[in-house]
Amino acid sequence: MERPKAYLESVHGSVSISAGIVRINDGFSEACQIGRGVRQGYSLSPLLYIIYDEAMMKEATENVQAGISVGGTTVSLIRY
């Protein structure tokens, strides 16, 4: 599934450039760069997870032919 380059650059820029500070007693630490993850409450987090999950499931079930029978219907993919 191809994504437009501008879209990917926009998401990468908003996720990869993060910094944080820690409150220590009555003051704050110096800012440090956060190297992994997304900010808490980041509105794109659920969407990014779904995109990643979809790609992972597609790759994992690429050559799967089998499944289980549920009420006469073969189910080969169950999530969550």
PDB file of N, CA and C in Angstrom:
ATOM      1  N   MET A   1       0.851  -1.167   0.000  1.00  0.00           N
ATOM      2  CA  MET A   1       0.000   0.000   0.000  1.00  0.00           C
ATOM      3  C   MET A   1       0.905   1.242   0.000  1.00  0.00           C
ATOM      4  N   GLU A   2       0.891   1.966  -1.096  1.00  0.00           N
ATOM      5  CA  GLU A   2       1.740   3.140  -1.244  1.00  0.00           C
ATOM      6  C   GLU A   2       1.121   4.364  -0.589  1.00  0.00           C
ATOM      7  N   ARG A   3       1.949   5.169   0.035  1.00  0.00           N
ATOM      8  CA  ARG A   3       1.521   6.428   0.642  1.00  0.00           C
ATOM      9  C   ARG A   3       2.225   7.563  -0.090  1.00  0.00           C
ATOM     10  N   PRO A   4       1.553   8.702  -0.299  1.00  0.00           N
ATOM     11  CA  PRO A   4       2.211   9.850  -0.929  1.00  0.00           C
ATOM     12  C   PRO A   4       3.406  10.310  -0.095  1.00  0.00           C
ATOM     13  N   LYS A   5       4.472  10.687  -0.757  1.00  0.00           N
ATOM     14  CA  LYS A   5       5.708  11.080  -0.078  1.00  0.00           C
ATOM     15  C   LYS A   5       5.480  12.251   0.874  1.00  0.00           C
ATOM     16  N   ALA A   6       4.679  13.241   0.468  1.00  0.00           N
ATOM     17  CA  ALA A   6       4.421  14.404   1.322  1.00  0.00           C
ATOM     18  C   ALA A   6       3.722  13.988   2.616  1.00  0.00           C
ATOM     19  N   TYR A   7       2.806  13.023   2.516  1.00  0.00           N
ATOM     20  CA  TYR A   7       2.101  12.521   3.697  1.00  0.00           C
ATOM     21  C   TYR A   7       3.082  11.859   4.661  1.00  0.00           C
ATOM     22  N   LEU A   8       3.928  10.987   4.135  1.00  0.00           N
ATOM     23  CA  LEU A   8       4.899  10.292   4.976  1.00  0.00           C
ATOM     24  C   LEU A   8       5.867  11.265   5.632  1.00  0.00           C
ATOM     25  N   GLU A   9       6.326  12.259   4.884  1.00  0.00           N
ATOM     26  CA  GLU A   9       7.241  13.253   5.446  1.00  0.00           C
ATOM     27  C   GLU A   9       6.574  14.062   6.553  1.00  0.00           C
ATOM     28  N   SER A  10       5.302  14.386   6.359  1.00  0.00           N
ATOM     29  CA  SER A  10       4.562  15.140   7.370  1.00  0.00           C
ATOM     30  C   SER A  10       4.414  14.344   8.659  1.00  0.00           C
ATOM     31  N   VAL A  11       4.010  13.090   8.544  1.00  0.00           N
ATOM     32  CA  VAL A  11       3.855  12.241   9.724  1.00  0.00           C
ATOM     33  C   VAL A  11       5.207  12.011  10.389  1.00  0.00           C
ATOM     34  N   HIS A  12       6.228  11.722   9.605  1.00  0.00           N
ATOM     35  CA  HIS A  12       7.564  11.487  10.163  1.00  0.00           C
ATOM     36  C   HIS A  12       8.060  12.723  10.913  1.00  0.00           C
ATOM     37  N   GLY A  13       7.863  13.892  10.333  1.00  0.00           N
ATOM     38  CA  GLY A  13       8.307  15.123  10.978  1.00  0.00           C
ATOM     39  C   GLY A  13       7.595  15.388  12.283  1.00  0.00           C
ATOM     40  N   SER A  14       6.301  15.109  12.337  1.00  0.00           N
ATOM     41  CA  SER A  14       5.557  15.381  13.565  1.00  0.00           C
ATOM     42  C   SER A  14       5.827  14.346  14.649  1.00  0.00           C
ATOM     43  N   VAL A  15       6.236  13.155  14.272  1.00  0.00           N
ATOM     44  CA  VAL A  15       6.499  12.104  15.258  1.00  0.00           C
ATOM     45  C   VAL A  15       7.961  12.091  15.695  1.00  0.00           C
ATOM     46  N   SER A  16       8.878  12.339  14.775  1.00  0.00           N
ATOM     47  CA  SER A  16      10.293  12.150  15.086  1.00  0.00           C
ATOM     48  C   SER A  16      10.930  13.319  15.828  1.00  0.00           C
ATOM     49  N   ILE A  17      10.331  14.470  15.777  1.00  0.00           N
ATOM     50  CA  ILE A  17      10.931  15.633  16.442  1.00  0.00           C
ATOM     51  C   ILE A  17      10.175  15.874  17.745  1.00  0.00           C
ATOM     52  N   SER A  18      10.625  15.234  18.815  1.00  0.00           N
ATOM     53  CA  SER A  18       9.989  15.371  20.116  1.00  0.00           C
ATOM     54  C   SER A  18      11.048  15.610  21.166  1.00  0.00           C
ATOM     55  N   ALA A  19      10.702  16.415  22.127  1.00  0.00           N
ATOM     56  CA  ALA A  19      11.600  16.676  23.248  1.00  0.00           C
ATOM     57  C   ALA A  19      10.774  16.667  24.517  1.00  0.00           C
ATOM     58  N   GLY A  20      11.417  16.408  25.608  1.00  0.00           N
ATOM     59  CA  GLY A  20      10.704  16.368  26.880  1.00  0.00           C
ATOM     60  C   GLY A  20      11.536  16.950  27.998  1.00  0.00           C
ATOM     61  N   ILE A  21      10.847  17.379  29.050  1.00  0.00           N
ATOM     62  CA  ILE A  21      11.517  17.857  30.253  1.00  0.00           C
ATOM     63  C   ILE A  21      10.895  17.143  31.437  1.00  0.00           C
ATOM     64  N   VAL A  22      11.637  17.087  32.525  1.00  0.00           N
ATOM     65  CA  VAL A  22      11.171  16.408  33.729  1.00  0.00           C
ATOM     66  C   VAL A  22      11.109  17.420  34.859  1.00  0.00           C
ATOM     67  N   ARG A  23      10.013  17.409  35.595  1.00  0.00           N
ATOM     68  CA  ARG A  23       9.891  18.308  36.743  1.00  0.00           C
ATOM     69  C   ARG A  23      10.653  17.700  37.914  1.00  0.00           C
ATOM     70  N   ILE A  24      11.551  18.480  38.481  1.00  0.00           N
ATOM     71  CA  ILE A  24      12.371  18.035  39.608  1.00  0.00           C
ATOM     72  C   ILE A  24      12.182  19.048  40.729  1.00  0.00           C
ATOM     73  N   ASN A  25      11.574  18.615  41.821  1.00  0.00           N
ATOM     74  CA  ASN A  25      11.253  19.493  42.948  1.00  0.00           C
ATOM     75  C   ASN A  25      10.542  20.754  42.456  1.00  0.00           C
ATOM     76  N   ASP A  26      11.187  21.918  42.581  1.00  0.00           N
ATOM     77  CA  ASP A  26      10.557  23.170  42.167  1.00  0.00           C
ATOM     78  C   ASP A  26      11.028  23.638  40.800  1.00  0.00           C
ATOM     79  N   GLY A  27      11.822  22.848  40.123  1.00  0.00           N
ATOM     80  CA  GLY A  27      12.349  23.273  38.823  1.00  0.00           C
ATOM     81  C   GLY A  27      12.140  22.201  37.764  1.00  0.00           C
ATOM     82  N   PHE A  28      12.778  22.411  36.634  1.00  0.00           N
ATOM     83  CA  PHE A  28      12.666  21.486  35.510  1.00  0.00           C
ATOM     84  C   PHE A  28      14.051  21.120  34.997  1.00  0.00           C
ATOM     85  N   SER A  29      14.171  19.932  34.433  1.00  0.00           N
ATOM     86  CA  SER A  29      15.429  19.506  33.835  1.00  0.00           C
ATOM     87  C   SER A  29      15.606  20.206  32.495  1.00  0.00           C
ATOM     88  N   GLU A  30      16.775  20.026  31.918  1.00  0.00           N
ATOM     89  CA  GLU A  30      16.991  20.537  30.566  1.00  0.00           C
ATOM     90  C   GLU A  30      16.226  19.638  29.595  1.00  0.00           C
ATOM     91  N   ALA A  31      15.856  20.185  28.454  1.00  0.00           N
ATOM     92  CA  ALA A  31      15.114  19.419  27.446  1.00  0.00           C
ATOM     93  C   ALA A  31      16.006  18.312  26.887  1.00  0.00           C
ATOM     94  N   CYS A  32      15.420  17.159  26.671  1.00  0.00           N
ATOM     95  CA  CYS A  32      16.138  16.050  26.050  1.00  0.00           C
ATOM     96  C   CYS A  32      15.288  15.510  24.908  1.00  0.00           C
ATOM     97  N   GLN A  33      15.956  15.031  23.880  1.00  0.00           N
ATOM     98  CA  GLN A  33      15.248  14.523  22.710  1.00  0.00           C
ATOM     99  C   GLN A  33      14.702  13.130  22.986  1.00  0.00           C
ATOM    100  N   ILE A  34      13.463  12.897  22.559  1.00  0.00           N
ATOM    101  CA  ILE A  34      12.825  11.592  22.711  1.00  0.00           C
ATOM    102  C   ILE A  34      13.006  10.850  21.398  1.00  0.00           C
ATOM    103  N   GLY A  35      13.602   9.658  21.466  1.00  0.00           N
ATOM    104  CA  GLY A  35      13.968   8.953  20.253  1.00  0.00           C
ATOM    105  C   GLY A  35      12.963   7.935  19.750  1.00  0.00           C
ATOM    106  N   ARG A  36      12.032   7.495  20.578  1.00  0.00           N
ATOM    107  CA  ARG A  36      11.081   6.453  20.163  1.00  0.00           C
ATOM    108  C   ARG A  36       9.685   6.792  20.658  1.00  0.00           C
ATOM    109  N   GLY A  37       8.710   6.240  19.954  1.00  0.00           N
ATOM    110  CA  GLY A  37       7.328   6.381  20.382  1.00  0.00           C
ATOM    111  C   GLY A  37       6.698   7.680  19.924  1.00  0.00           C
ATOM    112  N   VAL A  38       5.464   7.877  20.336  1.00  0.00           N
ATOM    113  CA  VAL A  38       4.733   9.097  20.004  1.00  0.00           C
ATOM    114  C   VAL A  38       4.343   9.783  21.305  1.00  0.00           C
ATOM    115  N   ARG A  39       4.058  11.070  21.202  1.00  0.00           N
ATOM    116  CA  ARG A  39       3.688  11.827  22.385  1.00  0.00           C
ATOM    117  C   ARG A  39       2.360  11.326  22.948  1.00  0.00           C
ATOM    118  N   GLN A  40       2.226  11.405  24.259  1.00  0.00           N
ATOM    119  CA  GLN A  40       0.994  11.004  24.910  1.00  0.00           C
ATOM    120  C   GLN A  40      -0.145  11.901  24.428  1.00  0.00           C
ATOM    121  N   GLY A  41      -1.242  11.288  24.041  1.00  0.00           N
ATOM    122  CA  GLY A  41      -2.382  12.048  23.565  1.00  0.00           C
ATOM    123  C   GLY A  41      -2.284  12.477  22.111  1.00  0.00           C
ATOM    124  N   TYR A  42      -1.260  12.021  21.395  1.00  0.00           N
ATOM    125  CA  TYR A  42      -1.070  12.395  19.993  1.00  0.00           C
ATOM    126  C   TYR A  42      -2.234  11.863  19.172  1.00  0.00           C
ATOM    127  N   SER A  43      -2.914  12.731  18.458  1.00  0.00           N
ATOM    128  CA  SER A  43      -4.161  12.357  17.787  1.00  0.00           C
ATOM    129  C   SER A  43      -3.974  11.335  16.668  1.00  0.00           C
ATOM    130  N   LEU A  44      -2.787  11.223  16.108  1.00  0.00           N
ATOM    131  CA  LEU A  44      -2.559  10.250  15.035  1.00  0.00           C
ATOM    132  C   LEU A  44      -2.157   8.864  15.552  1.00  0.00           C
ATOM    133  N   SER A  45      -1.941   8.713  16.842  1.00  0.00           N
ATOM    134  CA  SER A  45      -1.503   7.424  17.386  1.00  0.00           C
ATOM    135  C   SER A  45      -2.403   6.260  16.989  1.00  0.00           C
ATOM    136  N   PRO A  46      -3.726   6.360  17.159  1.00  0.00           N
ATOM    137  CA  PRO A  46      -4.574   5.223  16.765  1.00  0.00           C
ATOM    138  C   PRO A  46      -4.487   4.920  15.277  1.00  0.00           C
ATOM    139  N   LEU A  47      -4.446   5.947  14.447  1.00  0.00           N
ATOM    140  CA  LEU A  47      -4.359   5.740  13.007  1.00  0.00           C
ATOM    141  C   LEU A  47      -3.036   5.093  12.617  1.00  0.00           C
ATOM    142  N   LEU A  48      -1.939   5.551  13.201  1.00  0.00           N
ATOM    143  CA  LEU A  48      -0.633   4.962  12.905  1.00  0.00           C
ATOM    144  C   LEU A  48      -0.599   3.498  13.330  1.00  0.00           C
ATOM    145  N   TYR A  49      -1.224   3.177  14.461  1.00  0.00           N
ATOM    146  CA  TYR A  49      -1.275   1.789  14.910  1.00  0.00           C
ATOM    147  C   TYR A  49      -2.064   0.935  13.924  1.00  0.00           C
ATOM    148  N   ILE A  50      -3.205   1.428  13.470  1.00  0.00           N
ATOM    149  CA  ILE A  50      -4.036   0.669  12.539  1.00  0.00           C
ATOM    150  C   ILE A  50      -3.298   0.425  11.227  1.00  0.00           C
ATOM    151  N   ILE A  51      -2.594   1.438  10.730  1.00  0.00           N
ATOM    152  CA  ILE A  51      -1.827   1.282   9.487  1.00  0.00           C
ATOM    153  C   ILE A  51      -0.753   0.217   9.669  1.00  0.00           C
ATOM    154  N   TYR A  52      -0.027   0.273  10.788  1.00  0.00           N
ATOM    155  CA  TYR A  52       1.017  -0.703  11.067  1.00  0.00           C
ATOM    156  C   TYR A  52       0.415  -2.098  11.220  1.00  0.00           C
ATOM    157  N   ASP A  53      -0.694  -2.198  11.969  1.00  0.00           N
ATOM    158  CA  ASP A  53      -1.337  -3.490  12.202  1.00  0.00           C
ATOM    159  C   ASP A  53      -1.817  -4.110  10.896  1.00  0.00           C
ATOM    160  N   GLU A  54      -2.384  -3.307  10.023  1.00  0.00           N
ATOM    161  CA  GLU A  54      -2.882  -3.817   8.750  1.00  0.00           C
ATOM    162  C   GLU A  54      -1.739  -4.394   7.911  1.00  0.00           C
ATOM    163  N   ALA A  55      -0.634  -3.678   7.835  1.00  0.00           N
ATOM    164  CA  ALA A  55       0.520  -4.159   7.069  1.00  0.00           C
ATOM    165  C   ALA A  55       1.089  -5.437   7.686  1.00  0.00           C
ATOM    166  N   MET A  56       1.164  -5.492   9.021  1.00  0.00           N
ATOM    167  CA  MET A  56       1.694  -6.665   9.703  1.00  0.00           C
ATOM    168  C   MET A  56       0.796  -7.883   9.469  1.00  0.00           C
ATOM    169  N   MET A  57      -0.517  -7.707   9.561  1.00  0.00           N
ATOM    170  CA  MET A  57      -1.434  -8.832   9.355  1.00  0.00           C
ATOM    171  C   MET A  57      -1.413  -9.305   7.908  1.00  0.00           C
ATOM    172  N   LYS A  58      -1.302  -8.371   6.981  1.00  0.00           N
ATOM    173  CA  LYS A  58      -1.259  -8.740   5.566  1.00  0.00           C
ATOM    174  C   LYS A  58      -0.026  -9.595   5.285  1.00  0.00           C
ATOM    175  N   GLU A  59       1.109  -9.194   5.856  1.00  0.00           N
ATOM    176  CA  GLU A  59       2.339  -9.956   5.652  1.00  0.00           C
ATOM    177  C   GLU A  59       2.277 -11.319   6.348  1.00  0.00           C
ATOM    178  N   ALA A  60       1.710 -11.355   7.542  1.00  0.00           N
ATOM    179  CA  ALA A  60       1.650 -12.604   8.305  1.00  0.00           C
ATOM    180  C   ALA A  60       0.723 -13.631   7.668  1.00  0.00           C
ATOM    181  N   THR A  61      -0.315 -13.179   6.982  1.00  0.00           N
ATOM    182  CA  THR A  61      -1.292 -14.106   6.418  1.00  0.00           C
ATOM    183  C   THR A  61      -1.186 -14.218   4.902  1.00  0.00           C
ATOM    184  N   GLU A  62      -0.073 -13.799   4.354  1.00  0.00           N
ATOM    185  CA  GLU A  62       0.115 -13.769   2.902  1.00  0.00           C
ATOM    186  C   GLU A  62      -0.115 -15.125   2.243  1.00  0.00           C
ATOM    187  N   ASN A  63       0.407 -16.179   2.813  1.00  0.00           N
ATOM    188  CA  ASN A  63       0.295 -17.504   2.197  1.00  0.00           C
ATOM    189  C   ASN A  63      -0.535 -18.478   3.023  1.00  0.00           C
ATOM    190  N   VAL A  64      -1.407 -17.963   3.855  1.00  0.00           N
ATOM    191  CA  VAL A  64      -2.214 -18.817   4.719  1.00  0.00           C
ATOM    192  C   VAL A  64      -3.488 -19.207   3.980  1.00  0.00           C
ATOM    193  N   GLN A  65      -3.730 -20.508   3.885  1.00  0.00           N
ATOM    194  CA  GLN A  65      -4.923 -21.022   3.221  1.00  0.00           C
ATOM    195  C   GLN A  65      -5.895 -21.635   4.223  1.00  0.00           C
ATOM    196  N   ALA A  66      -5.389 -22.025   5.381  1.00  0.00           N
ATOM    197  CA  ALA A  66      -6.199 -22.745   6.351  1.00  0.00           C
ATOM    198  C   ALA A  66      -6.961 -21.780   7.252  1.00  0.00           C
ATOM    199  N   GLY A  67      -7.805 -22.320   8.069  1.00  0.00           N
ATOM    200  CA  GLY A  67      -8.573 -21.552   9.033  1.00  0.00           C
ATOM    201  C   GLY A  67      -9.365 -22.498   9.904  1.00  0.00           C
ATOM    202  N   ILE A  68     -10.325 -21.959  10.636  1.00  0.00           N
ATOM    203  CA  ILE A  68     -11.213 -22.803  11.436  1.00  0.00           C
ATOM    204  C   ILE A  68     -12.640 -22.585  10.954  1.00  0.00           C
ATOM    205  N   SER A  69     -13.436 -23.601  11.127  1.00  0.00           N
ATOM    206  CA  SER A  69     -14.829 -23.534  10.685  1.00  0.00           C
ATOM    207  C   SER A  69     -15.689 -23.050  11.840  1.00  0.00           C
ATOM    208  N   VAL A  70     -16.426 -21.977  11.609  1.00  0.00           N
ATOM    209  CA  VAL A  70     -17.340 -21.424  12.599  1.00  0.00           C
ATOM    210  C   VAL A  70     -18.709 -21.318  11.952  1.00  0.00           C
ATOM    211  N   GLY A  71     -19.622 -22.175  12.352  1.00  0.00           N
ATOM    212  CA  GLY A  71     -20.963 -22.159  11.783  1.00  0.00           C
ATOM    213  C   GLY A  71     -20.985 -22.388  10.282  1.00  0.00           C
ATOM    214  N   GLY A  72     -20.065 -23.206   9.781  1.00  0.00           N
ATOM    215  CA  GLY A  72     -20.015 -23.497   8.358  1.00  0.00           C
ATOM    216  C   GLY A  72     -19.214 -22.504   7.541  1.00  0.00           C
ATOM    217  N   THR A  73     -18.699 -21.455   8.176  1.00  0.00           N
ATOM    218  CA  THR A  73     -17.880 -20.456   7.487  1.00  0.00           C
ATOM    219  C   THR A  73     -16.434 -20.601   7.936  1.00  0.00           C
ATOM    220  N   THR A  74     -15.496 -20.630   6.993  1.00  0.00           N
ATOM    221  CA  THR A  74     -14.079 -20.727   7.327  1.00  0.00           C
ATOM    222  C   THR A  74     -13.538 -19.349   7.686  1.00  0.00           C
ATOM    223  N   VAL A  75     -12.985 -19.247   8.887  1.00  0.00           N
ATOM    224  CA  VAL A  75     -12.399 -18.007   9.382  1.00  0.00           C
ATOM    225  C   VAL A  75     -10.897 -18.198   9.433  1.00  0.00           C
ATOM    226  N   SER A  76     -10.162 -17.360   8.710  1.00  0.00           N
ATOM    227  CA  SER A  76      -8.704 -17.502   8.687  1.00  0.00           C
ATOM    228  C   SER A  76      -7.989 -16.320   9.330  1.00  0.00           C
ATOM    229  N   LEU A  77      -8.748 -15.316   9.769  1.00  0.00           N
ATOM    230  CA  LEU A  77      -8.105 -14.143  10.360  1.00  0.00           C
ATOM    231  C   LEU A  77      -8.969 -13.606  11.490  1.00  0.00           C
ATOM    232  N   ILE A  78      -8.447 -13.679  12.702  1.00  0.00           N
ATOM    233  CA  ILE A  78      -9.157 -13.137  13.865  1.00  0.00           C
ATOM    234  C   ILE A  78      -8.210 -12.147  14.526  1.00  0.00           C
ATOM    235  N   ARG A  79      -8.701 -10.940  14.792  1.00  0.00           N
ATOM    236  CA  ARG A  79      -7.883  -9.914  15.435  1.00  0.00           C
ATOM    237  C   ARG A  79      -8.468  -9.565  16.783  1.00  0.00           C
ATOM    238  N   TYR A  80      -7.597  -9.164  17.655  1.00  0.00           N
ATOM    239  CA  TYR A  80      -7.939  -8.633  18.978  1.00  0.00           C
ATOM    240  C   TYR A  80      -8.662  -9.669  19.789  1.00  0.00           C
TER     241      TYR A  80
END
